[in-house]
Amino acid sequence: MKEGSMKFFRWLAAAGVLTCASAQSPKTPPSRKPQIEEVRATGCVRIARDGCVELQTLDGKTTYTFQAAPKPDAGIVITIQGTAHQGRSDCKQGIVIDVTDWEPTGEMCTQ
């Protein structure tokens, strides 16, 4: 082989290595699920077997679970305010939150 041909093949090999190296650039991590910071919701109360209070929103799309003292009565509609729960919880169903306040609306659940 001629020296000019060998230089061309070396250049071609170097270009291929650089192309492969740039194709291996790190990918951006998947976006994290948004975290709940504050909650205000109205819904129907159920008391779970584990003693946790479950609140199913009036539209039926979301269930929150929390512990409260005193506990609201099952079957009533309440409005809650709370924040995201951090760490483990004995409550096993729904989105676990720390309720800072709850108030009865004076209505009964229709379900």
C-alpha atoms as a PDB file:
ATOM      1  CA  MET A   1       0.000   0.000   0.000  1.00  0.00           C
ATOM      2  CA  LYS A   2       1.109   3.503  -0.649  1.00  0.00           C
ATOM      3  CA  GLU A   3       1.813   5.901   2.185  1.00  0.00           C
ATOM      4  CA  GLY A   4      -0.997   8.217   1.013  1.00  0.00           C
ATOM      5  CA  SER A   5      -3.515   5.363   1.137  1.00  0.00           C
ATOM      6  CA  MET A   6      -2.424   4.415   4.657  1.00  0.00           C
ATOM      7  CA  LYS A   7      -2.838   8.020   5.858  1.00  0.00           C
ATOM      8  CA  PHE A   8      -6.317   8.066   4.374  1.00  0.00           C
ATOM      9  CA  PHE A   9      -7.287   4.812   6.186  1.00  0.00           C
ATOM     10  CA  ARG A  10      -5.847   6.133   9.476  1.00  0.00           C
ATOM     11  CA  TRP A  11      -7.840   9.345   9.060  1.00  0.00           C
ATOM     12  CA  LEU A  12     -10.991   7.357   8.246  1.00  0.00           C
ATOM     13  CA  ALA A  13     -10.489   5.121  11.303  1.00  0.00           C
ATOM     14  CA  ALA A  14      -9.950   8.150  13.572  1.00  0.00           C
ATOM     15  CA  ALA A  15     -13.104   9.804  12.225  1.00  0.00           C
ATOM     16  CA  GLY A  16     -15.061   6.600  12.892  1.00  0.00           C
ATOM     17  CA  VAL A  17     -13.801   6.410  16.483  1.00  0.00           C
ATOM     18  CA  LEU A  18     -14.750  10.035  17.140  1.00  0.00           C
ATOM     19  CA  THR A  19     -18.200   9.509  15.638  1.00  0.00           C
ATOM     20  CA  CYS A  20     -18.809   6.460  17.826  1.00  0.00           C
ATOM     21  CA  ALA A  21     -17.554   8.272  20.944  1.00  0.00           C
ATOM     22  CA  SER A  22     -19.898  11.216  20.417  1.00  0.00           C
ATOM     23  CA  ALA A  23     -22.827   8.849  19.866  1.00  0.00           C
ATOM     24  CA  GLN A  24     -22.229   7.434  23.355  1.00  0.00           C
ATOM     25  CA  SER A  25     -22.926  10.753  25.109  1.00  0.00           C
ATOM     26  CA  PRO A  26     -24.974  10.354  28.300  1.00  0.00           C
ATOM     27  CA  LYS A  27     -28.720  10.621  27.968  1.00  0.00           C
ATOM     28  CA  THR A  28     -30.732  12.964  30.143  1.00  0.00           C
ATOM     29  CA  PRO A  29     -32.412  11.153  33.047  1.00  0.00           C
ATOM     30  CA  PRO A  30     -36.174  10.676  32.830  1.00  0.00           C
ATOM     31  CA  SER A  31     -38.167  13.408  34.492  1.00  0.00           C
ATOM     32  CA  ARG A  32     -39.269  12.609  38.007  1.00  0.00           C
ATOM     33  CA  LYS A  33     -42.897  12.358  38.958  1.00  0.00           C
ATOM     34  CA  PRO A  34     -44.157  15.629  40.400  1.00  0.00           C
ATOM     35  CA  GLN A  35     -44.368  15.566  44.168  1.00  0.00           C
ATOM     36  CA  ILE A  36     -47.365  16.769  46.140  1.00  0.00           C
ATOM     37  CA  GLU A  37     -46.478  19.737  48.307  1.00  0.00           C
ATOM     38  CA  GLU A  38     -49.830  20.978  49.577  1.00  0.00           C
ATOM     39  CA  VAL A  39     -53.266  19.412  49.372  1.00  0.00           C
ATOM     40  CA  ARG A  40     -56.726  20.855  49.723  1.00  0.00           C
ATOM     41  CA  ALA A  41     -59.531  18.475  48.841  1.00  0.00           C
ATOM     42  CA  THR A  42     -63.165  17.721  49.579  1.00  0.00           C
ATOM     43  CA  GLY A  43     -64.563  14.226  49.629  1.00  0.00           C
ATOM     44  CA  CYS A  44     -66.216  11.316  51.379  1.00  0.00           C
ATOM     45  CA  VAL A  45     -64.694   9.685  54.445  1.00  0.00           C
ATOM     46  CA  ARG A  46     -64.133   5.975  54.949  1.00  0.00           C
ATOM     47  CA  ILE A  47     -62.246   4.380  57.807  1.00  0.00           C
ATOM     48  CA  ALA A  48     -59.910   1.623  56.627  1.00  0.00           C
ATOM     49  CA  ARG A  49     -59.304  -1.623  58.515  1.00  0.00           C
ATOM     50  CA  ASP A  50     -55.862  -0.387  59.511  1.00  0.00           C
ATOM     51  CA  GLY A  51     -57.474   2.633  61.216  1.00  0.00           C
ATOM     52  CA  CYS A  52     -56.390   5.132  58.603  1.00  0.00           C
ATOM     53  CA  VAL A  53     -58.867   7.662  57.284  1.00  0.00           C
ATOM     54  CA  GLU A  54     -59.496   7.524  53.536  1.00  0.00           C
ATOM     55  CA  LEU A  55     -60.889  10.477  51.659  1.00  0.00           C
ATOM     56  CA  GLN A  56     -62.212   9.851  48.163  1.00  0.00           C
ATOM     57  CA  THR A  57     -62.573  13.131  46.315  1.00  0.00           C
ATOM     58  CA  LEU A  58     -66.048  14.045  45.127  1.00  0.00           C
ATOM     59  CA  ASP A  59     -65.090  13.437  41.493  1.00  0.00           C
ATOM     60  CA  GLY A  60     -63.945   9.913  42.468  1.00  0.00           C
ATOM     61  CA  LYS A  61     -60.548  10.310  40.812  1.00  0.00           C
ATOM     62  CA  THR A  62     -58.275  10.529  43.865  1.00  0.00           C
ATOM     63  CA  THR A  63     -58.074   8.809  47.230  1.00  0.00           C
ATOM     64  CA  TYR A  64     -56.022  10.320  50.015  1.00  0.00           C
ATOM     65  CA  THR A  65     -55.216   8.462  53.209  1.00  0.00           C
ATOM     66  CA  PHE A  66     -54.124   9.876  56.529  1.00  0.00           C
ATOM     67  CA  GLN A  67     -54.269   9.530  60.285  1.00  0.00           C
ATOM     68  CA  ALA A  68     -56.115  12.079  62.384  1.00  0.00           C
ATOM     69  CA  ALA A  69     -57.108  12.651  65.976  1.00  0.00           C
ATOM     70  CA  PRO A  70     -59.947  13.102  66.379  1.00  0.00           C
ATOM     71  CA  LYS A  71     -61.062  11.037  63.391  1.00  0.00           C
ATOM     72  CA  PRO A  72     -63.951  12.222  61.258  1.00  0.00           C
ATOM     73  CA  ASP A  73     -67.005   9.951  61.142  1.00  0.00           C
ATOM     74  CA  ALA A  74     -67.288   7.588  58.198  1.00  0.00           C
ATOM     75  CA  GLY A  75     -69.868   8.585  55.601  1.00  0.00           C
ATOM     76  CA  ILE A  76     -69.557  12.354  55.948  1.00  0.00           C
ATOM     77  CA  VAL A  77     -68.106  14.877  53.506  1.00  0.00           C
ATOM     78  CA  ILE A  78     -65.106  16.836  54.765  1.00  0.00           C
ATOM     79  CA  THR A  79     -62.583  19.303  53.429  1.00  0.00           C
ATOM     80  CA  ILE A  80     -58.947  18.606  54.260  1.00  0.00           C
ATOM     81  CA  GLN A  81     -55.759  20.611  54.133  1.00  0.00           C
ATOM     82  CA  GLY A  82     -52.400  18.912  54.329  1.00  0.00           C
ATOM     83  CA  THR A  83     -48.925  18.353  53.037  1.00  0.00           C
ATOM     84  CA  ALA A  84     -47.008  15.539  51.411  1.00  0.00           C
ATOM     85  CA  HIS A  85     -46.109  12.718  53.789  1.00  0.00           C
ATOM     86  CA  GLN A  86     -42.408  11.915  54.042  1.00  0.00           C
ATOM     87  CA  GLY A  87     -41.193   8.445  54.973  1.00  0.00           C
ATOM     88  CA  ARG A  88     -43.056   5.275  55.878  1.00  0.00           C
ATOM     89  CA  SER A  89     -46.711   5.095  56.806  1.00  0.00           C
ATOM     90  CA  ASP A  90     -49.063   2.530  58.281  1.00  0.00           C
ATOM     91  CA  CYS A  91     -51.673   3.690  55.764  1.00  0.00           C
ATOM     92  CA  LYS A  92     -51.519   1.416  52.736  1.00  0.00           C
ATOM     93  CA  GLN A  93     -54.105   2.750  50.273  1.00  0.00           C
ATOM     94  CA  GLY A  94     -54.314   5.997  48.369  1.00  0.00           C
ATOM     95  CA  ILE A  95     -51.912   8.920  48.447  1.00  0.00           C
ATOM     96  CA  VAL A  96     -50.558   9.299  51.967  1.00  0.00           C
ATOM     97  CA  ILE A  97     -50.655  12.851  53.294  1.00  0.00           C
ATOM     98  CA  ASP A  98     -50.222  14.611  56.634  1.00  0.00           C
ATOM     99  CA  VAL A  99     -53.471  16.444  57.332  1.00  0.00           C
ATOM    100  CA  THR A 100     -53.020  19.742  59.099  1.00  0.00           C
ATOM    101  CA  ASP A 101     -56.750  20.542  59.299  1.00  0.00           C
ATOM    102  CA  TRP A 102     -60.100  19.038  58.398  1.00  0.00           C
ATOM    103  CA  GLU A 103     -63.632  20.391  58.600  1.00  0.00           C
ATOM    104  CA  PRO A 104     -66.998  18.732  58.015  1.00  0.00           C
ATOM    105  CA  THR A 105     -69.082  20.341  55.281  1.00  0.00           C
ATOM    106  CA  GLY A 106     -72.355  19.279  56.890  1.00  0.00           C
ATOM    107  CA  GLU A 107     -73.146  16.922  54.022  1.00  0.00           C
ATOM    108  CA  MET A 108     -73.404  13.142  53.975  1.00  0.00           C
ATOM    109  CA  CYS A 109     -71.846  10.947  51.291  1.00  0.00           C
ATOM    110  CA  THR A 110     -74.236   9.663  48.642  1.00  0.00           C
ATOM    111  CA  GLN A 111     -72.227   6.535  47.824  1.00  0.00           C
END
